[in-house]
PDB file of N, CA and C in Angstrom:
ATOM      1  N   UNK A   1     -15.162 -19.826 -34.347  1.00  0.00           N
ATOM      2  CA  UNK A   1     -13.925 -19.573 -34.011  1.00  0.00           C
ATOM      3  C   UNK A   1     -13.005 -20.259 -32.981  1.00  0.00           C
ATOM      4  N   UNK A   2     -12.109 -20.804 -33.599  1.00  0.00           N
ATOM      5  CA  UNK A   2     -11.286 -22.176 -33.176  1.00  0.00           C
ATOM      6  C   UNK A   2      -9.887 -21.457 -31.806  1.00  0.00           C
ATOM      7  N   UNK A   3      -9.892 -22.011 -30.630  1.00  0.00           N
ATOM      8  CA  UNK A   3      -8.642 -21.578 -29.842  1.00  0.00           C
ATOM      9  C   UNK A   3      -7.508 -21.301 -30.589  1.00  0.00           C
ATOM     10  N   UNK A   4      -7.179 -21.857 -32.006  1.00  0.00           N
ATOM     11  CA  UNK A   4      -5.795 -21.807 -32.570  1.00  0.00           C
ATOM     12  C   UNK A   4      -5.657 -20.439 -32.951  1.00  0.00           C
ATOM     13  N   UNK A   5      -6.779 -20.040 -33.853  1.00  0.00           N
ATOM     14  CA  UNK A   5      -7.418 -18.530 -34.708  1.00  0.00           C
ATOM     15  C   UNK A   5      -6.600 -17.753 -33.220  1.00  0.00           C
ATOM     16  N   UNK A   6      -7.760 -17.807 -32.385  1.00  0.00           N
ATOM     17  CA  UNK A   6      -7.686 -16.998 -31.065  1.00  0.00           C
ATOM     18  C   UNK A   6      -5.837 -16.819 -30.587  1.00  0.00           C
ATOM     19  N   UNK A   7      -5.404 -17.786 -30.079  1.00  0.00           N
ATOM     20  CA  UNK A   7      -3.861 -18.154 -30.230  1.00  0.00           C
ATOM     21  C   UNK A   7      -3.539 -17.295 -30.987  1.00  0.00           C
ATOM     22  N   UNK A   8      -3.679 -17.421 -32.169  1.00  0.00           N
ATOM     23  CA  UNK A   8      -2.677 -16.413 -33.385  1.00  0.00           C
ATOM     24  C   UNK A   8      -2.944 -14.995 -33.469  1.00  0.00           C
ATOM     25  N   UNK A   9      -4.212 -14.632 -33.546  1.00  0.00           N
ATOM     26  CA  UNK A   9      -4.823 -13.502 -33.026  1.00  0.00           C
ATOM     27  C   UNK A   9      -3.900 -12.566 -32.045  1.00  0.00           C
ATOM     28  N   UNK A  10      -3.910 -13.718 -30.936  1.00  0.00           N
ATOM     29  CA  UNK A  10      -3.704 -12.452 -29.991  1.00  0.00           C
ATOM     30  C   UNK A  10      -2.362 -12.381 -29.452  1.00  0.00           C
ATOM     31  N   UNK A  11      -1.458 -13.732 -30.613  1.00  0.00           N
ATOM     32  CA  UNK A  11      -0.079 -13.311 -30.103  1.00  0.00           C
ATOM     33  C   UNK A  11       0.438 -12.104 -30.964  1.00  0.00           C
ATOM     34  N   UNK A  12       0.105 -11.519 -32.290  1.00  0.00           N
ATOM     35  CA  UNK A  12       0.097 -11.094 -33.417  1.00  0.00           C
ATOM     36  C   UNK A  12      -0.251  -9.152 -32.926  1.00  0.00           C
ATOM     37  N   UNK A  13      -0.890  -9.690 -31.996  1.00  0.00           N
ATOM     38  CA  UNK A  13      -1.650  -8.265 -30.910  1.00  0.00           C
ATOM     39  C   UNK A  13      -0.378  -8.047 -30.380  1.00  0.00           C
ATOM     40  N   UNK A  14       0.339  -9.154 -29.348  1.00  0.00           N
ATOM     41  CA  UNK A  14       0.721  -8.478 -28.313  1.00  0.00           C
ATOM     42  C   UNK A  14       2.377  -8.238 -28.851  1.00  0.00           C
ATOM     43  N   UNK A  15       2.560  -8.923 -29.836  1.00  0.00           N
ATOM     44  CA  UNK A  15       4.148  -8.390 -31.142  1.00  0.00           C
ATOM     45  C   UNK A  15       4.125  -7.073 -31.400  1.00  0.00           C
ATOM     46  N   UNK A  16       2.776  -6.727 -32.235  1.00  0.00           N
ATOM     47  CA  UNK A  16       2.283  -5.281 -32.803  1.00  0.00           C
ATOM     48  C   UNK A  16       2.621  -3.934 -31.411  1.00  0.00           C
ATOM     49  N   UNK A  17       2.026  -4.959 -30.709  1.00  0.00           N
ATOM     50  CA  UNK A  17       2.437  -3.406 -29.137  1.00  0.00           C
ATOM     51  C   UNK A  17       3.226  -3.629 -28.667  1.00  0.00           C
ATOM     52  N   UNK A  18       4.622  -4.689 -28.517  1.00  0.00           N
ATOM     53  CA  UNK A  18       6.153  -4.361 -28.724  1.00  0.00           C
ATOM     54  C   UNK A  18       6.291  -3.727 -29.361  1.00  0.00           C
ATOM     55  N   UNK A  19       6.486  -4.287 -30.300  1.00  0.00           N
ATOM     56  CA  UNK A  19       6.597  -3.761 -31.864  1.00  0.00           C
ATOM     57  C   UNK A  19       6.423  -1.857 -31.115  1.00  0.00           C
ATOM     58  N   UNK A  20       5.513  -1.681 -31.195  1.00  0.00           N
ATOM     59  CA  UNK A  20       4.748   0.186 -31.156  1.00  0.00           C
ATOM     60  C   UNK A  20       6.099   0.672 -29.649  1.00  0.00           C
ATOM     61  N   UNK A  21       5.467  -0.452 -29.053  1.00  0.00           N
ATOM     62  CA  UNK A  21       6.770   0.382 -27.568  1.00  0.00           C
ATOM     63  C   UNK A  21       8.432   0.521 -27.601  1.00  0.00           C
ATOM     64  N   UNK A  22       8.576  -0.450 -28.233  1.00  0.00           N
ATOM     65  CA  UNK A  22      10.084  -0.198 -28.885  1.00  0.00           C
ATOM     66  C   UNK A  22      10.127   0.685 -29.858  1.00  0.00           C
ATOM     67  N   UNK A  23       9.712   1.152 -30.388  1.00  0.00           N
ATOM     68  CA  UNK A  23       9.770   2.266 -31.063  1.00  0.00           C
ATOM     69  C   UNK A  23       9.165   3.310 -30.983  1.00  0.00           C
ATOM     70  N   UNK A  24       8.635   3.535 -29.716  1.00  0.00           N
ATOM     71  CA  UNK A  24       7.770   4.838 -29.011  1.00  0.00           C
ATOM     72  C   UNK A  24       9.468   4.620 -27.869  1.00  0.00           C
ATOM     73  N   UNK A  25       9.907   4.104 -27.981  1.00  0.00           N
ATOM     74  CA  UNK A  25      10.819   4.209 -26.236  1.00  0.00           C
ATOM     75  C   UNK A  25      11.958   4.177 -27.245  1.00  0.00           C
ATOM     76  N   UNK A  26      11.987   4.092 -28.591  1.00  0.00           N
ATOM     77  CA  UNK A  26      13.795   4.189 -29.416  1.00  0.00           C
ATOM     78  C   UNK A  26      13.410   5.689 -29.366  1.00  0.00           C
ATOM     79  N   UNK A  27      12.075   6.543 -29.584  1.00  0.00           N
ATOM     80  CA  UNK A  27      12.528   7.561 -30.961  1.00  0.00           C
ATOM     81  C   UNK A  27      12.579   8.298 -29.468  1.00  0.00           C
ATOM     82  N   UNK A  28      12.162   7.687 -27.969  1.00  0.00           N
ATOM     83  CA  UNK A  28      12.436   9.394 -27.226  1.00  0.00           C
ATOM     84  C   UNK A  28      14.233   8.980 -26.909  1.00  0.00           C
ATOM     85  N   UNK A  29      14.241   8.154 -27.171  1.00  0.00           N
ATOM     86  CA  UNK A  29      16.218   8.003 -26.168  1.00  0.00           C
ATOM     87  C   UNK A  29      16.885   8.546 -26.862  1.00  0.00           C
ATOM     88  N   UNK A  30      16.532   8.772 -28.491  1.00  0.00           N
ATOM     89  CA  UNK A  30      17.052   9.534 -29.778  1.00  0.00           C
ATOM     90  C   UNK A  30      16.643  10.851 -29.347  1.00  0.00           C
TER      91      UNK A  30
END
């Protein structure tokens, strides 16, 4: 596994985590 692949997977995981966090916060505020 190359460093580039690890970086892409890491960014995708981070993006999904942030996306889920915003959805949870948004649902709580609503």
